[in-house]
C-alpha cells in the first residue's frame, strides 16, 4: 500500500476530476485522476515521501498507471538505490 500522503494526493485528484476513488488496479490516467501535468507533482511527492530519485527515463505511464504499478515501481526504485 502507498504511504498516506500519496494516497491522499490521489484521492484529492480523483475528487477534483470527479472520478471514482482509485483502487489498486484502476487506471489513474484513463479515469482522469492523473494526467501529464499532475504526474509531475505526483512524482515529486513520491520522491519526497519515499526517499527515492525518479529518473526522467522512468516517467512512463506504465510505471504510474495504477496504484499497484506505483507500489511495484517504488519497491524497484528503493532496491536500486540500496
PDB file of N, CA and C in Angstrom:
ATOM      1  N   UNK A   1       0.851  -1.187   0.000  1.00  0.00           N
ATOM      2  CA  UNK A   1       0.000   0.000   0.000  1.00  0.00           C
ATOM      3  C   UNK A   1       0.891   1.243   0.000  1.00  0.00           C
ATOM      4  N   UNK A   2       0.397   2.278  -0.592  1.00  0.00           N
ATOM      5  CA  UNK A   2       1.138   3.535  -0.671  1.00  0.00           C
ATOM      6  C   UNK A   2       1.068   4.288   0.649  1.00  0.00           C
ATOM      7  N   UNK A   3       2.119   5.055   0.962  1.00  0.00           N
ATOM      8  CA  UNK A   3       2.066   5.895   2.164  1.00  0.00           C
ATOM      9  C   UNK A   3       0.872   6.850   2.121  1.00  0.00           C
ATOM     10  N   UNK A   4       0.372   7.205   3.297  1.00  0.00           N
ATOM     11  CA  UNK A   4      -0.818   8.044   3.429  1.00  0.00           C
ATOM     12  C   UNK A   4      -0.834   9.292   2.569  1.00  0.00           C
ATOM     13  N   UNK A   5       0.235  10.116   2.598  1.00  0.00           N
ATOM     14  CA  UNK A   5       0.201  11.343   1.799  1.00  0.00           C
ATOM     15  C   UNK A   5       0.058  11.090   0.296  1.00  0.00           C
ATOM     16  N   UNK A   6       0.591   9.978  -0.173  1.00  0.00           N
ATOM     17  CA  UNK A   6       0.482   9.673  -1.598  1.00  0.00           C
ATOM     18  C   UNK A   6      -0.956   9.283  -1.942  1.00  0.00           C
ATOM     19  N   UNK A   7      -1.577   8.468  -1.107  1.00  0.00           N
ATOM     20  CA  UNK A   7      -2.987   8.113  -1.337  1.00  0.00           C
ATOM     21  C   UNK A   7      -3.882   9.339  -1.189  1.00  0.00           C
ATOM     22  N   UNK A   8      -3.557  10.226  -0.254  1.00  0.00           N
ATOM     23  CA  UNK A   8      -4.338  11.462  -0.102  1.00  0.00           C
ATOM     24  C   UNK A   8      -4.265  12.290  -1.377  1.00  0.00           C
ATOM     25  N   UNK A   9      -3.081  12.382  -1.983  1.00  0.00           N
ATOM     26  CA  UNK A   9      -2.916  13.109  -3.237  1.00  0.00           C
ATOM     27  C   UNK A   9      -3.824  12.507  -4.307  1.00  0.00           C
ATOM     28  N   UNK A  10      -3.803  11.176  -4.436  1.00  0.00           N
ATOM     29  CA  UNK A  10      -4.629  10.513  -5.449  1.00  0.00           C
ATOM     30  C   UNK A  10      -6.113  10.693  -5.169  1.00  0.00           C
ATOM     31  N   UNK A  11      -6.501  10.608  -3.911  1.00  0.00           N
ATOM     32  CA  UNK A  11      -7.916  10.795  -3.567  1.00  0.00           C
ATOM     33  C   UNK A  11      -8.374  12.217  -3.867  1.00  0.00           C
ATOM     34  N   UNK A  12      -7.532  13.214  -3.563  1.00  0.00           N
ATOM     35  CA  UNK A  12      -7.865  14.615  -3.887  1.00  0.00           C
ATOM     36  C   UNK A  12      -7.966  14.803  -5.398  1.00  0.00           C
ATOM     37  N   UNK A  13      -7.013  14.226  -6.119  1.00  0.00           N
ATOM     38  CA  UNK A  13      -7.024  14.345  -7.579  1.00  0.00           C
ATOM     39  C   UNK A  13      -8.276  13.697  -8.162  1.00  0.00           C
ATOM     40  N   UNK A  14      -8.685  12.570  -7.595  1.00  0.00           N
ATOM     41  CA  UNK A  14      -9.907  11.899  -8.063  1.00  0.00           C
ATOM     42  C   UNK A  14     -11.117  12.784  -7.818  1.00  0.00           C
ATOM     43  N   UNK A  15     -11.192  13.387  -6.644  1.00  0.00           N
ATOM     44  CA  UNK A  15     -12.319  14.271  -6.341  1.00  0.00           C
ATOM     45  C   UNK A  15     -12.329  15.462  -7.286  1.00  0.00           C
ATOM     46  N   UNK A  16     -11.153  16.053  -7.531  1.00  0.00           N
ATOM     47  CA  UNK A  16     -11.066  17.196  -8.443  1.00  0.00           C
ATOM     48  C   UNK A  16     -11.508  16.820  -9.855  1.00  0.00           C
ATOM     49  N   UNK A  17     -11.188  15.602 -10.269  1.00  0.00           N
ATOM     50  CA  UNK A  17     -11.539  15.136 -11.612  1.00  0.00           C
ATOM     51  C   UNK A  17     -12.936  14.526 -11.664  1.00  0.00           C
ATOM     52  N   UNK A  18     -13.610  14.516 -10.517  1.00  0.00           N
ATOM     53  CA  UNK A  18     -14.921  13.862 -10.407  1.00  0.00           C
ATOM     54  C   UNK A  18     -14.846  12.410 -10.885  1.00  0.00           C
ATOM     55  N   UNK A  19     -13.743  11.776 -10.511  1.00  0.00           N
ATOM     56  CA  UNK A  19     -13.505  10.374 -10.864  1.00  0.00           C
ATOM     57  C   UNK A  19     -13.686   9.519  -9.617  1.00  0.00           C
ATOM     58  N   UNK A  20     -13.914   8.232  -9.799  1.00  0.00           N
ATOM     59  CA  UNK A  20     -14.011   7.358  -8.628  1.00  0.00           C
ATOM     60  C   UNK A  20     -12.673   7.317  -7.891  1.00  0.00           C
ATOM     61  N   UNK A  21     -12.736   7.100  -6.585  1.00  0.00           N
ATOM     62  CA  UNK A  21     -11.506   6.952  -5.821  1.00  0.00           C
ATOM     63  C   UNK A  21     -10.743   5.757  -6.371  1.00  0.00           C
ATOM     64  N   UNK A  22      -9.429   5.892  -6.501  1.00  0.00           N
ATOM     65  CA  UNK A  22      -8.667   4.815  -7.130  1.00  0.00           C
ATOM     66  C   UNK A  22      -8.600   3.559  -6.272  1.00  0.00           C
ATOM     67  N   UNK A  23      -8.761   2.412  -6.938  1.00  0.00           N
ATOM     68  CA  UNK A  23      -8.473   1.153  -6.264  1.00  0.00           C
ATOM     69  C   UNK A  23      -7.132   0.658  -6.812  1.00  0.00           C
ATOM     70  N   UNK A  24      -6.722  -0.515  -6.427  1.00  0.00           N
ATOM     71  CA  UNK A  24      -5.365  -0.947  -6.753  1.00  0.00           C
ATOM     72  C   UNK A  24      -5.119  -1.183  -8.240  1.00  0.00           C
ATOM     73  N   UNK A  25      -6.155  -1.487  -8.996  1.00  0.00           N
ATOM     74  CA  UNK A  25      -5.939  -1.839 -10.398  1.00  0.00           C
ATOM     75  C   UNK A  25      -6.656  -0.956 -11.411  1.00  0.00           C
ATOM     76  N   UNK A  26      -7.287   0.125 -10.975  1.00  0.00           N
ATOM     77  CA  UNK A  26      -7.938   1.007 -11.947  1.00  0.00           C
ATOM     78  C   UNK A  26      -6.913   1.997 -12.500  1.00  0.00           C
ATOM     79  N   UNK A  27      -7.052   2.320 -13.780  1.00  0.00           N
ATOM     80  CA  UNK A  27      -6.106   3.216 -14.440  1.00  0.00           C
ATOM     81  C   UNK A  27      -6.252   4.637 -13.911  1.00  0.00           C
ATOM     82  N   UNK A  28      -5.158   5.162 -13.412  1.00  0.00           N
ATOM     83  CA  UNK A  28      -5.167   6.532 -12.897  1.00  0.00           C
ATOM     84  C   UNK A  28      -5.242   7.545 -14.031  1.00  0.00           C
ATOM     85  N   UNK A  29      -4.757   7.173 -15.214  1.00  0.00           N
ATOM     86  CA  UNK A  29      -4.785   8.081 -16.356  1.00  0.00           C
ATOM     87  C   UNK A  29      -6.131   8.032 -17.076  1.00  0.00           C
ATOM     88  N   UNK A  30      -6.627   6.845 -17.351  1.00  0.00           N
ATOM     89  CA  UNK A  30      -7.907   6.711 -18.044  1.00  0.00           C
ATOM     90  C   UNK A  30      -9.044   7.319 -17.238  1.00  0.00           C
ATOM     91  N   UNK A  31      -8.981   7.171 -15.919  1.00  0.00           N
ATOM     92  CA  UNK A  31     -10.041   7.702 -15.054  1.00  0.00           C
ATOM     93  C   UNK A  31      -9.957   9.213 -14.887  1.00  0.00           C
ATOM     94  N   UNK A  32      -8.822   9.808 -15.276  1.00  0.00           N
ATOM     95  CA  UNK A  32      -8.651  11.248 -15.125  1.00  0.00           C
ATOM     96  C   UNK A  32      -8.028  11.665 -13.808  1.00  0.00           C
ATOM     97  N   UNK A  33      -7.658  10.695 -12.968  1.00  0.00           N
ATOM     98  CA  UNK A  33      -7.031  11.026 -11.684  1.00  0.00           C
ATOM     99  C   UNK A  33      -5.670  11.673 -11.927  1.00  0.00           C
ATOM    100  N   UNK A  34      -4.902  11.136 -12.871  1.00  0.00           N
ATOM    101  CA  UNK A  34      -3.609  11.711 -13.238  1.00  0.00           C
ATOM    102  C   UNK A  34      -3.618  12.093 -14.707  1.00  0.00           C
ATOM    103  N   UNK A  35      -2.856  13.127 -15.020  1.00  0.00           N
ATOM    104  CA  UNK A  35      -2.584  13.489 -16.404  1.00  0.00           C
ATOM    105  C   UNK A  35      -1.114  13.901 -16.471  1.00  0.00           C
ATOM    106  N   UNK A  36      -0.662  14.334 -17.618  1.00  0.00           N
ATOM    107  CA  UNK A  36       0.762  14.646 -17.764  1.00  0.00           C
ATOM    108  C   UNK A  36       1.202  15.785 -16.849  1.00  0.00           C
ATOM    109  N   UNK A  37       0.306  16.686 -16.517  1.00  0.00           N
ATOM    110  CA  UNK A  37       0.658  17.795 -15.630  1.00  0.00           C
ATOM    111  C   UNK A  37       0.706  17.354 -14.173  1.00  0.00           C
ATOM    112  N   UNK A  38      -0.304  16.628 -13.729  1.00  0.00           N
ATOM    113  CA  UNK A  38      -0.335  16.202 -12.331  1.00  0.00           C
ATOM    114  C   UNK A  38       0.695  15.117 -12.047  1.00  0.00           C
ATOM    115  N   UNK A  39       1.149  14.409 -13.090  1.00  0.00           N
ATOM    116  CA  UNK A  39       2.171  13.385 -12.887  1.00  0.00           C
ATOM    117  C   UNK A  39       3.441  13.995 -12.306  1.00  0.00           C
ATOM    118  N   UNK A  40       3.794  15.197 -12.730  1.00  0.00           N
ATOM    119  CA  UNK A  40       4.996  15.859 -12.211  1.00  0.00           C
ATOM    120  C   UNK A  40       4.866  16.087 -10.709  1.00  0.00           C
ATOM    121  N   UNK A  41       3.740  16.607 -10.258  1.00  0.00           N
ATOM    122  CA  UNK A  41       3.520  16.812  -8.822  1.00  0.00           C
ATOM    123  C   UNK A  41       3.498  15.482  -8.080  1.00  0.00           C
ATOM    124  N   UNK A  42       2.890  14.474  -8.680  1.00  0.00           N
ATOM    125  CA  UNK A  42       2.795  13.152  -8.069  1.00  0.00           C
ATOM    126  C   UNK A  42       4.189  12.547  -7.872  1.00  0.00           C
ATOM    127  N   UNK A  43       5.023  12.644  -8.896  1.00  0.00           N
ATOM    128  CA  UNK A  43       6.383  12.104  -8.822  1.00  0.00           C
ATOM    129  C   UNK A  43       7.203  12.848  -7.770  1.00  0.00           C
ATOM    130  N   UNK A  44       7.067  14.155  -7.706  1.00  0.00           N
ATOM    131  CA  UNK A  44       7.778  14.941  -6.694  1.00  0.00           C
ATOM    132  C   UNK A  44       7.376  14.500  -5.296  1.00  0.00           C
ATOM    133  N   UNK A  45       6.093  14.267  -5.087  1.00  0.00           N
ATOM    134  CA  UNK A  45       5.606  13.795  -3.793  1.00  0.00           C
ATOM    135  C   UNK A  45       6.178  12.416  -3.470  1.00  0.00           C
ATOM    136  N   UNK A  46       6.167  11.510  -4.432  1.00  0.00           N
ATOM    137  CA  UNK A  46       6.715  10.168  -4.208  1.00  0.00           C
ATOM    138  C   UNK A  46       8.191  10.257  -3.824  1.00  0.00           C
ATOM    139  N   UNK A  47       8.946  11.073  -4.540  1.00  0.00           N
ATOM    140  CA  UNK A  47      10.369  11.213  -4.224  1.00  0.00           C
ATOM    141  C   UNK A  47      10.570  11.673  -2.782  1.00  0.00           C
ATOM    142  N   UNK A  48       9.803  12.656  -2.366  1.00  0.00           N
ATOM    143  CA  UNK A  48       9.937  13.175  -1.012  1.00  0.00           C
ATOM    144  C   UNK A  48       9.479  12.200   0.055  1.00  0.00           C
ATOM    145  N   UNK A  49       8.355  11.549  -0.177  1.00  0.00           N
ATOM    146  CA  UNK A  49       7.792  10.637   0.825  1.00  0.00           C
ATOM    147  C   UNK A  49       8.567   9.330   0.934  1.00  0.00           C
ATOM    148  N   UNK A  50       9.099   8.866  -0.181  1.00  0.00           N
ATOM    149  CA  UNK A  50       9.742   7.547  -0.198  1.00  0.00           C
ATOM    150  C   UNK A  50      11.264   7.619  -0.196  1.00  0.00           C
ATOM    151  N   UNK A  51      11.800   8.827  -0.304  1.00  0.00           N
ATOM    152  CA  UNK A  51      13.250   8.985  -0.280  1.00  0.00           C
ATOM    153  C   UNK A  51      13.949   8.358  -1.474  1.00  0.00           C
ATOM    154  N   UNK A  52      13.321   8.459  -2.640  1.00  0.00           N
ATOM    155  CA  UNK A  52      13.913   7.902  -3.855  1.00  0.00           C
ATOM    156  C   UNK A  52      14.047   8.998  -4.898  1.00  0.00           C
ATOM    157  N   UNK A  53      14.904   8.749  -5.889  1.00  0.00           N
ATOM    158  CA  UNK A  53      15.052   9.645  -7.029  1.00  0.00           C
ATOM    159  C   UNK A  53      14.452   8.939  -8.233  1.00  0.00           C
ATOM    160  N   UNK A  54      13.541   9.608  -8.908  1.00  0.00           N
ATOM    161  CA  UNK A  54      12.904   9.040 -10.092  1.00  0.00           C
ATOM    162  C   UNK A  54      13.531   9.690 -11.317  1.00  0.00           C
ATOM    163  N   UNK A  55      14.204   8.873 -12.120  1.00  0.00           N
ATOM    164  CA  UNK A  55      14.871   9.361 -13.319  1.00  0.00           C
ATOM    165  C   UNK A  55      13.847   9.700 -14.398  1.00  0.00           C
ATOM    166  N   UNK A  56      14.233  10.620 -15.276  1.00  0.00           N
ATOM    167  CA  UNK A  56      13.345  11.005 -16.373  1.00  0.00           C
ATOM    168  C   UNK A  56      12.920   9.796 -17.206  1.00  0.00           C
ATOM    169  N   UNK A  57      13.818   8.840 -17.381  1.00  0.00           N
ATOM    170  CA  UNK A  57      13.503   7.643 -18.160  1.00  0.00           C
ATOM    171  C   UNK A  57      12.429   6.774 -17.528  1.00  0.00           C
ATOM    172  N   UNK A  58      12.210   6.963 -16.229  1.00  0.00           N
ATOM    173  CA  UNK A  58      11.180   6.197 -15.523  1.00  0.00           C
ATOM    174  C   UNK A  58       9.806   6.854 -15.590  1.00  0.00           C
ATOM    175  N   UNK A  59       9.726   8.050 -16.151  1.00  0.00           N
ATOM    176  CA  UNK A  59       8.448   8.772 -16.222  1.00  0.00           C
ATOM    177  C   UNK A  59       7.613   8.254 -17.396  1.00  0.00           C
ATOM    178  N   UNK A  60       7.228   7.007 -17.264  1.00  0.00           N
ATOM    179  CA  UNK A  60       6.408   6.354 -18.276  1.00  0.00           C
ATOM    180  C   UNK A  60       5.086   5.961 -17.639  1.00  0.00           C
ATOM    181  N   UNK A  61       3.997   6.089 -18.364  1.00  0.00           N
ATOM    182  CA  UNK A  61       2.690   5.743 -17.793  1.00  0.00           C
ATOM    183  C   UNK A  61       2.630   4.336 -17.217  1.00  0.00           C
ATOM    184  N   UNK A  62       3.353   3.392 -17.820  1.00  0.00           N
ATOM    185  CA  UNK A  62       3.274   2.024 -17.305  1.00  0.00           C
ATOM    186  C   UNK A  62       3.816   1.892 -15.882  1.00  0.00           C
ATOM    187  N   UNK A  63       4.612   2.847 -15.422  1.00  0.00           N
ATOM    188  CA  UNK A  63       5.090   2.827 -14.036  1.00  0.00           C
ATOM    189  C   UNK A  63       4.099   3.466 -13.068  1.00  0.00           C
ATOM    190  N   UNK A  64       3.177   4.258 -13.575  1.00  0.00           N
ATOM    191  CA  UNK A  64       2.301   5.049 -12.709  1.00  0.00           C
ATOM    192  C   UNK A  64       0.818   4.908 -13.047  1.00  0.00           C
ATOM    193  N   UNK A  65       0.451   3.928 -13.863  1.00  0.00           N
ATOM    194  CA  UNK A  65      -0.923   3.829 -14.350  1.00  0.00           C
ATOM    195  C   UNK A  65      -1.917   3.346 -13.304  1.00  0.00           C
ATOM    196  N   UNK A  66      -1.481   2.518 -12.366  1.00  0.00           N
ATOM    197  CA  UNK A  66      -2.375   2.027 -11.314  1.00  0.00           C
ATOM    198  C   UNK A  66      -1.664   2.116  -9.971  1.00  0.00           C
ATOM    199  N   UNK A  67      -2.408   2.041  -8.904  1.00  0.00           N
ATOM    200  CA  UNK A  67      -1.810   2.048  -7.569  1.00  0.00           C
ATOM    201  C   UNK A  67      -0.866   0.857  -7.431  1.00  0.00           C
ATOM    202  N   UNK A  68      -1.255  -0.299  -7.936  1.00  0.00           N
ATOM    203  CA  UNK A  68      -0.391  -1.486  -7.870  1.00  0.00           C
ATOM    204  C   UNK A  68       0.926  -1.258  -8.595  1.00  0.00           C
ATOM    205  N   UNK A  69       0.864  -0.644  -9.768  1.00  0.00           N
ATOM    206  CA  UNK A  69       2.087  -0.380 -10.533  1.00  0.00           C
ATOM    207  C   UNK A  69       2.962   0.653  -9.839  1.00  0.00           C
ATOM    208  N   UNK A  70       2.352   1.641  -9.203  1.00  0.00           N
ATOM    209  CA  UNK A  70       3.121   2.638  -8.453  1.00  0.00           C
ATOM    210  C   UNK A  70       3.843   1.958  -7.292  1.00  0.00           C
ATOM    211  N   UNK A  71       3.147   1.088  -6.571  1.00  0.00           N
ATOM    212  CA  UNK A  71       3.764   0.360  -5.450  1.00  0.00           C
ATOM    213  C   UNK A  71       4.949  -0.467  -5.938  1.00  0.00           C
ATOM    214  N   UNK A  72       4.766  -1.194  -7.036  1.00  0.00           N
ATOM    215  CA  UNK A  72       5.839  -2.024  -7.586  1.00  0.00           C
ATOM    216  C   UNK A  72       7.012  -1.161  -8.029  1.00  0.00           C
ATOM    217  N   UNK A  73       6.725  -0.024  -8.657  1.00  0.00           N
ATOM    218  CA  UNK A  73       7.791   0.867  -9.099  1.00  0.00           C
ATOM    219  C   UNK A  73       8.584   1.394  -7.909  1.00  0.00           C
ATOM    220  N   UNK A  74       7.895   1.810  -6.851  1.00  0.00           N
ATOM    221  CA  UNK A  74       8.580   2.329  -5.661  1.00  0.00           C
ATOM    222  C   UNK A  74       9.495   1.257  -5.075  1.00  0.00           C
ATOM    223  N   UNK A  75       9.031   0.029  -5.000  1.00  0.00           N
ATOM    224  CA  UNK A  75       9.864  -1.065  -4.476  1.00  0.00           C
ATOM    225  C   UNK A  75      11.107  -1.265  -5.340  1.00  0.00           C
ATOM    226  N   UNK A  76      10.948  -1.239  -6.664  1.00  0.00           N
ATOM    227  CA  UNK A  76      12.106  -1.383  -7.561  1.00  0.00           C
ATOM    228  C   UNK A  76      13.073  -0.223  -7.385  1.00  0.00           C
ATOM    229  N   UNK A  77      12.544   0.990  -7.274  1.00  0.00           N
ATOM    230  CA  UNK A  77      13.398   2.169  -7.117  1.00  0.00           C
ATOM    231  C   UNK A  77      14.158   2.125  -5.795  1.00  0.00           C
ATOM    232  N   UNK A  78      13.503   1.673  -4.736  1.00  0.00           N
ATOM    233  CA  UNK A  78      14.183   1.546  -3.438  1.00  0.00           C
ATOM    234  C   UNK A  78      15.285   0.496  -3.515  1.00  0.00           C
ATOM    235  N   UNK A  79      15.022  -0.604  -4.203  1.00  0.00           N
ATOM    236  CA  UNK A  79      16.025  -1.663  -4.333  1.00  0.00           C
ATOM    237  C   UNK A  79      17.235  -1.175  -5.134  1.00  0.00           C
ATOM    238  N   UNK A  80      16.992  -0.367  -6.162  1.00  0.00           N
ATOM    239  CA  UNK A  80      18.092   0.183  -6.970  1.00  0.00           C
ATOM    240  C   UNK A  80      18.973   1.107  -6.163  1.00  0.00           C
ATOM    241  N   UNK A  81      18.356   1.873  -5.266  1.00  0.00           N
ATOM    242  CA  UNK A  81      19.119   2.879  -4.518  1.00  0.00           C
ATOM    243  C   UNK A  81      19.758   2.314  -3.253  1.00  0.00           C
ATOM    244  N   UNK A  82      19.472   1.063  -2.936  1.00  0.00           N
ATOM    245  CA  UNK A  82      20.037   0.455  -1.719  1.00  0.00           C
ATOM    246  C   UNK A  82      21.475   0.033  -1.923  1.00  0.00           C
TER     247      UNK A  82
END
